[in-house]
Amino acid sequence: MKTAKQAALLLALACLVGGAAAESSCPELENGIQGHTWVQADEDRLPLFSYGLRYIFGNPGKSRVCTECGKTQAFFYSDTWVYALREDGTAEIVRCDQPETVGSLIVPETLNGIPVTAIGDKAFSQCYYLTDVTLPEGITHIGDFAFEDCTDLETLTIPASVTSMGCNPFLGTTARLRLAPENTAFIQEGAYLLDKNTLRLICYQGSGEADGQLTLPAGTLEIGDYAFSRSDAVQVVLPAGVQKIGQCAFQRCLSLQSVTLPAGLTDIGDHAFQRCSKLEEVNLPDSVTHLGRNPFAGSPVTLSLSASHPALELRGDVLIERSTGKLLSFPCQGSEPAYEIPGDIREIGEFAFAYCKDLFTLTVPANVEIAENAFYRNEAIEAVTLPEGLTVIKENTFWGCINLKTVEIPGSVTEIGAFAFNCCQAMETLTFPKSLVTLGEGAFQGCLALREVTVPSAIGIIPARAFDACIRLERVEIQEGITQIAPYAFYDCEMLQVVSLPESLTRIDRYAFYRCAILETITIPTAVNRFGDEVFGMCPKLTVTASKDSEAAAYCAGNNVPFAEK
């Protein structure tokens, strides 16, 4: 079992390398950006990737639910395979449940008499030791990232029956793909695989040309999501006719130095060139009318465009959308240490200041909306002045700003979104405005330097993981009006010494104060009538004080927690 210090260290490392999002991926990859976002169908509704495979799939009938459409899908287990039933009654391989398998695997034609017709999203993800996978005739679909990071995979033949593929099924592999000659749905030109009907380039499976320059097949209309992600290309020339670059298409191409974008290109997707650490310059043609969430986040690129560009403008190196006044992209490096956003800006876009290395202080004027993830993993910023009139600090706004020490939360703020200040490790003080009525899950999780918190009454519920792993948190005052402390709210607060609970409190959920190692006393109000599992687990010094006939007394008796009558 991890100690609190070990857990905190792991969280700190997670903040540095990407936390909930895999470092090798765009921020939202783990949550299934292409299609359904599947979570386990239990009360926690946690993403499936956070669980061990056997835990999820070991029992037939274990189910998952889609957070977008509400669809529930049952899992079934058959030897090596976990599968689900598709709407047409055929089977979809959800997961190879033996990811440690070395060598070859043959996907069966049927499972329990049911024809196998699909390889699901991430079905073989991180099966590192597979060298060969044989897919049967009858497979019609290969899902998003199906063979992601199968690093030893050498060859894979795509059967003639396959008619559709999701987002780069072969991300992170160098497998040599072989397209069955009878397949009529796809085109293979050297290391490039294209969808014949849409002319979407699905993936590039080469190891770079001799000179590092890649010239795509003529006729390509779209660069698919993640198509070149993590490739070793140095120079890329997109042919005339390409209209769209998908999200994360060139994400983490660490050798990429130049990209030539053709006239006629209209759309550059989310994070398209994220963290291309050697990308020096990109010219945006006048035809570009849409940019997704900061396509150049974390790349030291110098952008250029014509002064008459109809959709975009540059002010210095800051990219702005003309029609909306949205700040789309701030330079990753080379900026002045202090920046005041111009008064005509109306919105800071998602990931606009992500990964900035030189910006230390920022002033935001009045009437500016700040989007989710606006400062994601900005590890330089130390102080932010937010304007009076701002009402919402959205989800993940300052996620991973590990050097952020000072944020003045204006009195107008009514809502702080989920994980808004997650992993802000340097934040020592926090003052909630009286106007605050909503606090999101994990809002201050991993704020390692935070010492003292007063939770305002109007929020009603302290959400799950709100102050999880705040390892230096010493004092917590919870004001009258709070009725519930949600799961893991103060988990791993190993320096917590003083907790003041209000008489309005009725419920303390599981693991709320787990591993508060030096907490010695806590007085439970009489109104508390519900306790979750291990509320005070691993609190070796704690004595609970409560009324003799209270639910708290019964809980302590049943869980071997020292008790004192008040």
Protein backbone atom coordinates (compact mmCIF):
# COMPACT_ATOMS: atom_id res chain seq x y z
CA MET A 1 0.00 0.00 0.00
CA LYS A 2 1.34 3.48 -0.91
CA THR A 3 2.21 5.92 1.81
CA ALA A 4 0.85 9.44 1.64
CA LYS A 5 4.27 10.75 0.64
CA GLN A 6 4.55 8.19 -2.12
CA ALA A 7 1.09 9.06 -3.37
CA ALA A 8 1.92 12.76 -3.32
CA LEU A 9 5.17 12.12 -5.19
CA LEU A 10 3.30 10.19 -7.84
CA LEU A 11 0.83 13.01 -8.19
CA ALA A 12 3.65 15.54 -8.50
CA LEU A 13 5.23 13.47 -11.24
CA ALA A 14 1.85 13.21 -12.94
CA CYS A 15 1.61 17.00 -12.93
CA LEU A 16 4.98 17.22 -14.64
CA VAL A 17 4.31 14.63 -17.33
CA GLY A 18 0.68 15.13 -18.12
CA GLY A 19 -1.39 13.69 -15.29
CA ALA A 20 -4.63 12.19 -16.44
CA ALA A 21 -3.64 12.53 -20.04
CA ALA A 22 -0.94 10.33 -21.46
CA GLU A 23 2.21 12.31 -22.24
CA SER A 24 2.37 10.69 -25.63
CA SER A 25 -1.10 11.91 -26.49
CA CYS A 26 -3.14 15.02 -26.86
CA PRO A 27 -4.87 16.05 -23.65
CA GLU A 28 -8.16 14.39 -24.47
CA LEU A 29 -6.95 11.17 -26.11
CA GLU A 30 -7.58 8.98 -23.08
CA ASN A 31 -11.23 9.91 -23.01
CA GLY A 32 -12.06 8.69 -26.49
CA ILE A 33 -12.14 11.86 -28.54
CA GLN A 34 -13.29 10.20 -31.73
CA GLY A 35 -16.46 8.54 -30.66
CA HIS A 36 -18.11 7.47 -27.46
CA THR A 37 -16.58 8.24 -24.12
CA TRP A 38 -16.98 4.99 -22.21
CA VAL A 39 -16.89 4.78 -18.45
CA GLN A 40 -17.57 1.93 -16.08
CA ALA A 41 -21.25 1.67 -15.27
CA ASP A 42 -21.01 2.00 -11.49
CA GLU A 43 -21.62 4.86 -9.11
CA ASP A 44 -18.16 6.32 -9.67
CA ARG A 45 -18.47 6.28 -13.46
CA LEU A 46 -14.73 6.32 -13.82
CA PRO A 47 -12.99 6.02 -17.21
CA LEU A 48 -12.27 2.45 -18.15
CA PHE A 49 -8.58 3.04 -18.72
CA SER A 50 -8.10 3.74 -15.02
CA TYR A 51 -8.89 0.16 -14.06
CA GLY A 52 -7.02 -3.08 -14.27
CA LEU A 53 -8.26 -5.27 -17.07
CA ARG A 54 -9.28 -8.23 -14.98
CA TYR A 55 -11.10 -5.99 -12.56
CA ILE A 56 -13.20 -4.64 -15.38
CA PHE A 57 -13.64 -7.65 -17.54
CA GLY A 58 -13.27 -10.68 -15.34
CA ASN A 59 -16.98 -11.22 -14.90
CA PRO A 60 -19.39 -11.74 -17.77
CA GLY A 61 -21.92 -8.97 -18.03
CA LYS A 62 -19.72 -6.20 -16.65
CA SER A 63 -20.88 -3.11 -18.46
CA ARG A 64 -19.80 0.29 -19.65
CA VAL A 65 -21.90 3.35 -20.36
CA CYS A 66 -21.42 6.18 -22.86
CA THR A 67 -21.30 9.62 -21.23
CA GLU A 68 -22.55 11.31 -24.41
CA CYS A 69 -25.50 9.18 -25.48
CA GLY A 70 -26.24 7.15 -22.37
CA LYS A 71 -25.93 3.85 -24.23
CA THR A 72 -24.95 0.91 -22.06
CA GLN A 73 -22.94 -1.98 -23.42
CA ALA A 74 -22.31 -5.29 -21.65
CA PHE A 75 -18.96 -7.05 -21.74
CA PHE A 76 -18.49 -10.78 -22.16
CA TYR A 77 -15.41 -12.80 -21.45
CA SER A 78 -14.10 -15.70 -23.54
CA ASP A 79 -10.59 -17.00 -22.83
CA THR A 80 -8.18 -14.35 -24.13
CA TRP A 81 -10.90 -12.05 -25.39
CA VAL A 82 -13.29 -9.50 -23.98
CA TYR A 83 -16.08 -8.70 -26.39
CA ALA A 84 -19.34 -6.80 -26.70
CA LEU A 85 -22.33 -7.26 -28.94
CA ARG A 86 -22.82 -4.79 -31.77
CA GLU A 87 -26.25 -3.59 -32.84
CA ASP A 88 -26.33 -6.18 -35.62
CA GLY A 89 -25.71 -9.01 -33.14
CA THR A 90 -22.10 -9.62 -34.13
CA ALA A 91 -19.14 -9.41 -31.75
CA GLU A 92 -16.66 -6.57 -31.27
CA ILE A 93 -13.32 -7.35 -29.68
CA VAL A 94 -13.16 -4.86 -26.81
CA ARG A 95 -9.86 -5.99 -25.36
CA CYS A 96 -7.22 -8.64 -25.56
CA ASP A 97 -7.12 -9.51 -21.87
CA GLN A 98 -3.58 -10.89 -22.02
CA PRO A 99 -1.55 -7.78 -22.91
CA GLU A 100 1.64 -9.50 -21.80
CA THR A 101 1.35 -12.00 -24.67
CA VAL A 102 4.63 -12.40 -26.54
CA GLY A 103 4.74 -13.21 -30.25
CA SER A 104 1.67 -13.95 -32.33
CA LEU A 105 -2.08 -13.84 -31.76
CA ILE A 106 -4.86 -15.08 -34.00
CA VAL A 107 -8.18 -13.30 -33.64
CA PRO A 108 -10.92 -15.94 -33.90
CA GLU A 109 -13.66 -15.82 -36.51
CA THR A 110 -16.29 -16.43 -33.82
CA LEU A 111 -16.65 -16.09 -30.05
CA ASN A 112 -19.17 -18.41 -28.43
CA GLY A 113 -20.63 -18.96 -31.88
CA ILE A 114 -20.97 -15.22 -32.60
CA PRO A 115 -19.18 -13.85 -35.69
CA VAL A 116 -16.42 -11.35 -34.92
CA THR A 117 -16.78 -8.30 -37.16
CA ALA A 118 -14.97 -5.47 -35.38
CA ILE A 119 -11.80 -4.63 -33.49
CA GLY A 120 -12.81 -2.02 -30.91
CA ASP A 121 -11.14 1.21 -29.87
CA LYS A 122 -7.78 0.53 -28.16
CA ALA A 123 -8.47 -3.20 -28.17
CA PHE A 124 -4.77 -4.10 -28.37
CA SER A 125 -3.43 -0.85 -26.93
CA GLN A 126 -0.08 -1.30 -25.16
CA CYS A 127 0.24 -4.97 -26.03
CA TYR A 128 3.94 -4.22 -26.26
CA TYR A 129 5.23 -7.69 -27.04
CA LEU A 130 2.98 -8.71 -29.89
CA THR A 131 4.91 -9.21 -33.09
CA ASP A 132 2.08 -10.41 -35.31
CA VAL A 133 -1.72 -10.33 -35.21
CA THR A 134 -3.83 -12.28 -37.67
CA LEU A 135 -7.26 -10.78 -38.37
CA PRO A 136 -9.91 -13.08 -39.85
CA GLU A 137 -11.87 -12.44 -43.00
CA GLY A 138 -15.17 -11.02 -41.79
CA ILE A 139 -13.71 -8.12 -39.83
CA THR A 140 -15.35 -4.97 -41.20
CA HIS A 141 -14.15 -2.28 -38.78
CA ILE A 142 -10.92 -1.43 -36.95
CA GLY A 143 -11.47 1.17 -34.22
CA ASP A 144 -9.64 4.20 -32.91
CA PHE A 145 -6.09 3.47 -31.73
CA ALA A 146 -6.81 -0.27 -31.90
CA PHE A 147 -3.10 -1.22 -31.92
CA GLU A 148 -1.74 1.88 -30.18
CA ASP A 149 1.81 1.45 -28.87
CA CYS A 150 2.17 -2.16 -29.94
CA THR A 151 5.83 -1.34 -30.26
CA ASP A 152 7.02 -4.82 -31.27
CA LEU A 153 4.34 -5.31 -33.92
CA GLU A 154 6.11 -6.10 -37.17
CA THR A 155 3.38 -6.89 -39.69
CA LEU A 156 -0.38 -6.79 -39.94
CA THR A 157 -2.56 -7.73 -42.88
CA ILE A 158 -5.79 -5.79 -43.33
CA PRO A 159 -8.40 -8.24 -44.65
CA ALA A 160 -10.44 -7.60 -47.77
CA SER A 161 -13.58 -7.40 -45.64
CA VAL A 162 -12.48 -4.25 -43.74
CA THR A 163 -14.51 -1.26 -44.92
CA SER A 164 -13.91 1.31 -42.19
CA MET A 165 -11.20 2.43 -39.79
CA GLY A 166 -11.25 4.88 -36.94
CA CYS A 167 -8.59 7.32 -35.85
CA ASN A 168 -5.07 6.02 -36.62
CA PRO A 169 -5.40 2.43 -35.39
CA PHE A 170 -1.61 2.02 -35.54
CA LEU A 171 -0.47 5.04 -33.52
CA GLY A 172 2.91 4.45 -31.91
CA THR A 173 3.76 1.39 -33.99
CA THR A 174 6.09 0.93 -36.94
CA ALA A 175 4.25 -2.13 -38.19
CA ARG A 176 4.46 -2.89 -41.88
CA LEU A 177 0.86 -2.89 -43.08
CA ARG A 178 -0.28 -5.19 -45.83
CA LEU A 179 -3.54 -4.43 -47.54
CA ALA A 180 -5.26 -7.51 -48.93
CA PRO A 181 -5.33 -7.20 -52.75
CA GLU A 182 -9.11 -7.74 -52.78
CA ASN A 183 -9.74 -4.82 -50.38
CA THR A 184 -11.65 -2.07 -52.22
CA ALA A 185 -12.11 0.40 -49.37
CA PHE A 186 -8.53 1.60 -48.93
CA ILE A 187 -5.51 2.70 -50.92
CA GLN A 188 -1.96 1.88 -49.90
CA GLU A 189 0.86 3.94 -51.40
CA GLY A 190 4.15 3.01 -49.81
CA ALA A 191 3.94 3.93 -46.13
CA TYR A 192 0.65 5.82 -46.57
CA LEU A 193 -2.81 4.36 -46.00
CA LEU A 194 -5.83 6.27 -47.34
CA ASP A 195 -9.56 5.80 -47.18
CA LYS A 196 -10.56 5.36 -50.83
CA ASN A 197 -13.98 6.98 -50.50
CA THR A 198 -13.02 10.07 -48.49
CA LEU A 199 -9.36 10.34 -49.47
CA ARG A 200 -8.59 10.75 -45.79
CA LEU A 201 -5.00 9.82 -44.97
CA ILE A 202 -5.39 7.44 -42.05
CA CYS A 203 -1.77 6.95 -41.11
CA TYR A 204 1.84 7.09 -42.13
CA GLN A 205 3.77 3.97 -41.19
CA GLY A 206 7.20 4.83 -42.49
CA SER A 207 10.37 5.63 -40.66
CA GLY A 208 11.13 8.79 -42.64
CA GLU A 209 12.51 9.37 -46.11
CA ALA A 210 16.23 9.51 -46.72
CA ASP A 211 16.23 13.31 -46.43
CA GLY A 212 13.49 13.47 -43.85
CA GLN A 213 11.06 15.04 -46.32
CA LEU A 214 7.61 13.58 -46.75
CA THR A 215 5.51 14.34 -49.80
CA LEU A 216 1.98 13.03 -49.44
CA PRO A 217 0.09 11.16 -52.15
CA ALA A 218 -1.57 13.40 -54.72
CA GLY A 219 -5.33 13.49 -54.35
CA THR A 220 -5.29 13.46 -50.54
CA LEU A 221 -8.13 15.66 -49.28
CA GLU A 222 -7.75 15.27 -45.53
CA ILE A 223 -4.98 14.47 -43.08
CA GLY A 224 -6.67 12.24 -40.54
CA ASP A 225 -6.53 12.66 -36.78
CA TYR A 226 -3.15 11.51 -35.42
CA ALA A 227 -2.07 10.43 -38.92
CA PHE A 228 1.58 11.51 -38.44
CA SER A 229 1.60 11.71 -34.64
CA ARG A 230 5.04 10.91 -33.22
CA SER A 231 6.57 10.28 -36.66
CA ASP A 232 10.18 11.23 -37.41
CA ALA A 233 9.44 13.47 -40.39
CA VAL A 234 11.66 16.55 -40.72
CA GLN A 235 9.92 18.33 -43.60
CA VAL A 236 6.35 17.82 -44.79
CA VAL A 237 4.86 19.14 -48.01
CA LEU A 238 1.09 18.87 -48.23
CA PRO A 239 -0.17 18.51 -51.79
CA ALA A 240 -2.60 20.88 -53.44
CA GLY A 241 -6.14 19.82 -52.69
CA VAL A 242 -5.69 19.09 -49.00
CA GLN A 243 -8.56 20.85 -47.27
CA LYS A 244 -8.32 19.70 -43.68
CA ILE A 245 -5.68 18.73 -41.15
CA GLY A 246 -7.21 16.63 -38.38
CA GLN A 247 -6.70 16.99 -34.68
CA CYS A 248 -3.31 16.00 -33.35
CA ALA A 249 -2.30 15.09 -36.90
CA PHE A 250 1.37 16.00 -36.34
CA GLN A 251 1.32 15.97 -32.54
CA ARG A 252 4.76 15.37 -31.00
CA CYS A 253 6.65 15.10 -34.26
CA LEU A 254 9.85 15.95 -32.44
CA SER A 255 12.03 16.18 -35.56
CA LEU A 256 9.61 18.26 -37.62
CA GLN A 257 11.18 21.55 -38.73
CA SER A 258 8.98 22.78 -41.55
CA VAL A 259 5.53 22.26 -42.98
CA THR A 260 4.27 23.61 -46.27
CA LEU A 261 0.53 24.27 -46.20
CA PRO A 262 -1.23 24.51 -49.56
CA ALA A 263 -3.57 27.22 -50.76
CA GLY A 264 -7.09 25.87 -50.38
CA LEU A 265 -6.52 24.47 -46.90
CA THR A 266 -9.48 25.57 -44.78
CA ASP A 267 -9.32 23.73 -41.46
CA ILE A 268 -6.52 22.98 -38.98
CA GLY A 269 -7.77 20.81 -36.13
CA ASP A 270 -7.24 20.75 -32.39
CA HIS A 271 -3.59 20.36 -31.32
CA ALA A 272 -2.57 19.58 -34.90
CA PHE A 273 1.08 20.58 -34.32
CA GLN A 274 1.17 20.29 -30.53
CA ARG A 275 4.66 20.00 -29.00
CA CYS A 276 6.59 19.84 -32.24
CA SER A 277 9.69 21.04 -30.43
CA LYS A 278 11.73 21.91 -33.55
CA LEU A 279 9.01 23.42 -35.71
CA GLU A 280 10.32 26.86 -36.66
CA GLU A 281 7.86 28.53 -38.99
CA VAL A 282 4.40 27.99 -40.44
CA ASN A 283 2.66 30.21 -42.96
CA LEU A 284 -1.13 30.16 -42.73
CA PRO A 285 -2.76 30.55 -46.16
CA ASP A 286 -5.61 33.02 -46.63
CA SER A 287 -7.90 30.05 -47.25
CA VAL A 288 -7.68 28.92 -43.59
CA THR A 289 -11.00 29.84 -41.99
CA HIS A 290 -11.00 27.59 -38.94
CA LEU A 291 -8.41 26.77 -36.31
CA GLY A 292 -9.18 24.24 -33.61
CA ARG A 293 -7.95 24.43 -30.05
CA ASN A 294 -4.48 25.95 -30.26
CA PRO A 295 -2.95 23.79 -33.00
CA PHE A 296 0.54 25.03 -32.09
CA ALA A 297 0.51 24.64 -28.28
CA GLY A 298 3.96 23.81 -26.97
CA SER A 299 5.68 24.38 -30.32
CA PRO A 300 8.26 27.20 -30.64
CA VAL A 301 6.87 28.11 -34.05
CA THR A 302 6.80 31.56 -35.60
CA LEU A 303 3.51 32.04 -37.42
CA SER A 304 3.08 34.19 -40.48
CA LEU A 305 0.09 35.24 -42.55
CA SER A 306 -0.90 38.00 -44.92
CA ALA A 307 -2.03 41.34 -43.50
CA SER A 308 -5.27 40.90 -45.41
CA HIS A 309 -6.04 37.43 -44.04
CA PRO A 310 -9.85 37.35 -43.81
CA ALA A 311 -10.11 35.24 -40.65
CA LEU A 312 -6.94 35.72 -38.61
CA GLU A 313 -4.56 38.44 -37.48
CA LEU A 314 -1.21 38.55 -35.75
CA ARG A 315 -0.31 41.08 -33.10
CA GLY A 316 3.33 40.46 -32.66
CA ASP A 317 3.34 36.69 -32.25
CA VAL A 318 -0.14 36.51 -30.72
CA LEU A 319 -2.75 34.92 -33.01
CA ILE A 320 -6.29 36.35 -32.87
CA GLU A 321 -9.53 35.40 -34.59
CA ARG A 322 -10.87 38.54 -36.27
CA SER A 323 -14.62 37.90 -36.14
CA THR A 324 -14.80 36.96 -32.45
CA GLY A 325 -11.89 38.74 -30.84
CA LYS A 326 -10.69 35.39 -29.51
CA LEU A 327 -7.03 35.01 -28.54
CA LEU A 328 -6.18 31.69 -30.14
CA SER A 329 -2.47 31.22 -29.53
CA PHE A 330 0.25 32.83 -27.43
CA PRO A 331 3.88 32.02 -28.26
CA CYS A 332 5.29 29.02 -26.44
CA GLN A 333 8.63 30.77 -25.93
CA GLY A 334 10.33 34.04 -26.67
CA SER A 335 7.60 36.22 -25.14
CA GLU A 336 8.00 39.07 -22.68
CA PRO A 337 7.76 37.94 -19.05
CA ALA A 338 4.65 40.08 -18.44
CA TYR A 339 1.67 40.47 -20.73
CA GLU A 340 -1.52 42.49 -20.52
CA ILE A 341 -4.25 41.22 -22.79
CA PRO A 342 -5.54 43.98 -25.09
CA GLY A 343 -8.86 45.52 -24.15
CA ASP A 344 -10.60 44.50 -27.38
CA ILE A 345 -10.05 40.79 -26.76
CA ARG A 346 -13.30 39.07 -25.80
CA GLU A 347 -12.17 35.52 -25.14
CA ILE A 348 -9.07 33.52 -24.29
CA GLY A 349 -9.37 30.31 -26.28
CA GLU A 350 -8.75 26.77 -25.09
CA PHE A 351 -5.05 26.00 -24.64
CA ALA A 352 -4.17 29.54 -25.78
CA PHE A 353 -1.42 29.86 -23.12
CA ALA A 354 -0.66 26.15 -22.80
CA TYR A 355 2.97 25.10 -22.30
CA CYS A 356 4.29 28.69 -22.29
CA LYS A 357 7.86 28.81 -21.00
CA ASP A 358 8.54 32.55 -20.59
CA LEU A 359 5.31 34.19 -19.42
CA PHE A 360 5.42 34.86 -15.67
CA THR A 361 2.63 37.38 -15.05
CA LEU A 362 -0.61 38.03 -16.88
CA THR A 363 -3.29 40.70 -16.56
CA VAL A 364 -6.74 39.96 -17.94
CA PRO A 365 -9.03 42.94 -18.66
CA ALA A 366 -12.72 43.13 -17.85
CA ASN A 367 -15.32 41.38 -20.01
CA VAL A 368 -12.97 38.65 -21.17
CA GLU A 369 -14.21 35.07 -21.08
CA ILE A 370 -11.61 32.45 -20.26
CA ALA A 371 -12.12 29.05 -21.90
CA GLU A 372 -11.45 25.65 -20.40
CA ASN A 373 -7.79 24.56 -20.42
CA ALA A 374 -6.68 28.10 -21.27
CA PHE A 375 -3.44 27.82 -19.24
CA TYR A 376 -3.01 24.05 -19.39
CA ARG A 377 0.50 23.06 -18.22
CA ASN A 378 1.86 26.59 -18.36
CA GLU A 379 4.76 25.82 -16.06
CA ALA A 380 6.21 29.37 -16.09
CA ILE A 381 3.31 31.52 -14.98
CA GLU A 382 3.50 32.68 -11.37
CA ALA A 383 0.76 35.30 -11.05
CA VAL A 384 -2.56 35.98 -12.77
CA THR A 385 -4.80 38.98 -12.23
CA LEU A 386 -8.38 38.09 -13.08
CA PRO A 387 -10.92 40.86 -13.69
CA GLU A 388 -13.88 41.80 -11.52
CA GLY A 389 -16.96 40.69 -13.41
CA LEU A 390 -15.62 37.24 -14.24
CA THR A 391 -18.24 34.74 -13.07
CA VAL A 392 -16.81 31.32 -14.01
CA ILE A 393 -13.36 29.79 -13.81
CA LYS A 394 -13.88 26.82 -16.09
CA GLU A 395 -12.68 23.22 -16.02
CA ASN A 396 -8.92 22.67 -16.16
CA THR A 397 -8.27 26.39 -16.65
CA PHE A 398 -4.99 26.36 -14.69
CA TRP A 399 -4.37 22.60 -14.74
CA GLY A 400 -0.71 21.82 -14.17
CA CYS A 401 0.47 25.42 -13.63
CA ILE A 402 3.04 24.13 -11.18
CA ASN A 403 4.62 27.53 -10.42
CA LEU A 404 1.40 29.51 -10.05
CA LYS A 405 1.59 31.18 -6.64
CA THR A 406 -0.88 34.04 -6.78
CA VAL A 407 -4.39 34.16 -8.18
CA GLU A 408 -6.80 36.81 -7.05
CA ILE A 409 -10.24 35.27 -7.44
CA PRO A 410 -12.62 38.21 -7.94
CA GLY A 411 -15.72 38.62 -5.82
CA SER A 412 -17.88 38.14 -8.91
CA VAL A 413 -16.90 34.47 -9.39
CA THR A 414 -19.79 32.09 -8.70
CA GLU A 415 -18.31 28.87 -10.08
CA ILE A 416 -14.92 27.17 -10.10
CA GLY A 417 -14.96 24.21 -12.48
CA ALA A 418 -13.63 20.70 -12.12
CA PHE A 419 -9.82 20.47 -11.83
CA ALA A 420 -9.54 24.22 -12.41
CA PHE A 421 -6.40 24.53 -10.24
CA ASN A 422 -5.38 20.87 -10.24
CA CYS A 423 -1.63 20.41 -9.69
CA CYS A 424 -0.97 24.09 -8.93
CA GLN A 425 1.79 22.96 -6.62
CA ALA A 426 3.12 26.38 -5.59
CA MET A 427 -0.20 27.92 -4.49
CA GLU A 428 0.12 28.63 -0.76
CA THR A 429 -2.97 30.73 -0.04
CA LEU A 430 -6.55 30.52 -1.22
CA THR A 431 -9.44 32.85 -0.50
CA PHE A 432 -12.87 31.94 -1.80
CA PRO A 433 -15.19 34.81 -2.72
CA LYS A 434 -18.50 35.01 -0.86
CA SER A 435 -20.23 34.79 -4.24
CA LEU A 436 -19.03 31.22 -4.86
CA VAL A 437 -21.88 28.70 -5.14
CA THR A 438 -20.32 25.88 -7.22
CA LEU A 439 -17.03 24.09 -6.73
CA GLY A 440 -16.07 21.36 -9.20
CA GLU A 441 -14.54 17.95 -8.62
CA GLY A 442 -10.79 17.97 -7.96
CA ALA A 443 -10.68 21.77 -8.21
CA PHE A 444 -7.60 22.03 -5.94
CA GLN A 445 -6.33 18.46 -6.07
CA GLY A 446 -2.55 18.29 -5.80
CA CYS A 447 -2.06 21.86 -4.56
CA LEU A 448 0.91 20.70 -2.55
CA ALA A 449 1.77 24.04 -0.87
CA LEU A 450 -1.73 25.02 0.26
CA ARG A 451 -1.82 25.53 4.05
CA GLU A 452 -5.28 26.70 5.06
CA VAL A 453 -8.77 26.65 3.57
CA THR A 454 -12.14 28.08 4.57
CA VAL A 455 -14.92 26.45 2.57
CA PRO A 456 -17.84 28.83 2.02
CA SER A 457 -21.35 27.77 2.95
CA ALA A 458 -23.05 28.52 -0.36
CA ILE A 459 -21.44 25.61 -2.24
CA GLY A 460 -23.46 23.13 -0.18
CA ILE A 461 -21.29 20.11 -1.04
CA ILE A 462 -17.53 19.77 -0.93
CA PRO A 463 -17.01 17.83 -4.16
CA ALA A 464 -15.04 14.65 -4.73
CA ARG A 465 -11.26 15.04 -4.55
CA ALA A 466 -11.58 18.79 -4.01
CA PHE A 467 -8.42 18.92 -1.87
CA ASP A 468 -7.03 15.44 -2.50
CA ALA A 469 -3.23 15.24 -1.99
CA CYS A 470 -2.91 18.74 -0.55
CA ILE A 471 -0.14 17.31 1.58
CA ARG A 472 0.71 20.53 3.46
CA LEU A 473 -2.86 21.51 4.24
CA GLU A 474 -3.02 22.09 8.00
CA ARG A 475 -6.34 23.78 8.78
CA VAL A 476 -9.80 23.39 7.25
CA GLU A 477 -12.82 25.38 8.31
CA ILE A 478 -16.08 24.23 6.75
CA GLN A 479 -18.76 26.85 7.17
CA GLU A 480 -22.35 26.35 8.25
CA GLY A 481 -24.52 25.36 5.30
CA ILE A 482 -22.30 22.60 3.95
CA THR A 483 -24.27 19.33 4.03
CA GLN A 484 -21.96 16.79 2.42
CA ILE A 485 -18.27 15.96 2.08
CA ALA A 486 -17.92 13.89 -1.11
CA PRO A 487 -15.53 10.94 -1.66
CA TYR A 488 -11.80 11.55 -1.35
CA ALA A 489 -12.33 15.24 -0.59
CA PHE A 490 -9.34 15.44 1.81
CA TYR A 491 -7.63 12.19 0.85
CA ASP A 492 -3.86 12.15 1.54
CA CYS A 493 -3.88 15.47 3.43
CA GLU A 494 -1.12 14.10 5.61
CA MET A 495 -0.40 17.36 7.52
CA LEU A 496 -4.03 18.14 8.36
CA GLN A 497 -4.30 19.04 12.05
CA VAL A 498 -7.51 21.02 12.51
CA VAL A 499 -10.91 20.35 10.91
CA SER A 500 -14.00 22.33 11.85
CA LEU A 501 -17.27 20.71 10.75
CA PRO A 502 -20.62 22.58 10.69
CA GLU A 503 -23.83 21.47 12.38
CA SER A 504 -25.49 21.42 8.95
CA LEU A 505 -23.34 18.46 7.83
CA THR A 506 -25.32 15.26 7.25
CA ARG A 507 -23.03 13.04 5.19
CA ILE A 508 -19.34 12.16 4.94
CA ASP A 509 -18.55 9.91 2.00
CA ARG A 510 -15.93 7.20 1.59
CA TYR A 511 -12.25 7.97 1.98
CA ALA A 512 -13.03 11.62 2.72
CA PHE A 513 -10.21 11.90 5.29
CA TYR A 514 -8.22 8.80 4.37
CA ARG A 515 -4.49 9.01 5.21
CA CYS A 516 -4.76 12.21 7.23
CA ALA A 517 -1.87 10.79 9.17
CA ILE A 518 -1.43 13.33 11.98
CA LEU A 519 -5.06 14.35 12.50
CA GLU A 520 -5.73 13.75 16.20
CA THR A 521 -9.28 14.94 16.86
CA ILE A 522 -12.41 15.67 14.90
CA THR A 523 -15.87 16.45 16.25
CA ILE A 524 -18.76 15.01 14.26
CA PRO A 525 -22.06 16.94 14.32
CA THR A 526 -25.13 15.03 15.50
CA ALA A 527 -26.89 15.52 12.16
CA VAL A 528 -24.37 13.33 10.31
CA ASN A 529 -26.28 10.13 9.58
CA ARG A 530 -24.31 8.59 6.74
CA PHE A 531 -20.69 7.51 6.53
CA GLY A 532 -18.91 5.95 3.58
CA ASP A 533 -16.25 3.25 3.68
CA GLU A 534 -12.88 4.11 5.20
CA VAL A 535 -13.79 7.71 5.94
CA PHE A 536 -11.00 7.82 8.55
CA GLY A 537 -8.89 4.95 7.26
CA MET A 538 -5.14 5.18 7.87
CA CYS A 539 -5.58 7.96 10.43
CA PRO A 540 -3.57 6.29 13.21
CA LYS A 541 -3.69 9.20 15.71
CA LEU A 542 -7.35 10.10 15.32
CA THR A 543 -10.00 10.06 18.02
CA VAL A 544 -13.54 10.91 16.89
CA THR A 545 -15.71 12.96 19.23
CA ALA A 546 -19.48 12.73 18.90
CA SER A 547 -22.70 12.17 20.81
CA LYS A 548 -23.04 8.81 22.54
CA ASP A 549 -26.06 7.60 20.58
CA SER A 550 -25.11 9.14 17.25
CA GLU A 551 -24.48 7.48 13.92
CA ALA A 552 -20.86 8.54 14.31
CA ALA A 553 -20.56 6.48 17.51
CA ALA A 554 -21.95 3.44 15.73
CA TYR A 555 -19.62 3.98 12.79
CA CYS A 556 -16.58 4.17 15.06
CA ALA A 557 -17.60 1.02 16.91
CA GLY A 558 -18.02 -0.89 13.68
CA ASN A 559 -14.76 0.30 12.16
CA ASN A 560 -12.40 0.23 15.15
CA VAL A 561 -12.02 4.01 15.19
CA PRO A 562 -11.21 5.45 18.65
CA PHE A 563 -14.21 7.33 20.05
CA ALA A 564 -14.82 9.94 22.74
CA GLU A 565 -18.21 11.12 23.89
CA LYS A 566 -18.88 14.83 23.74
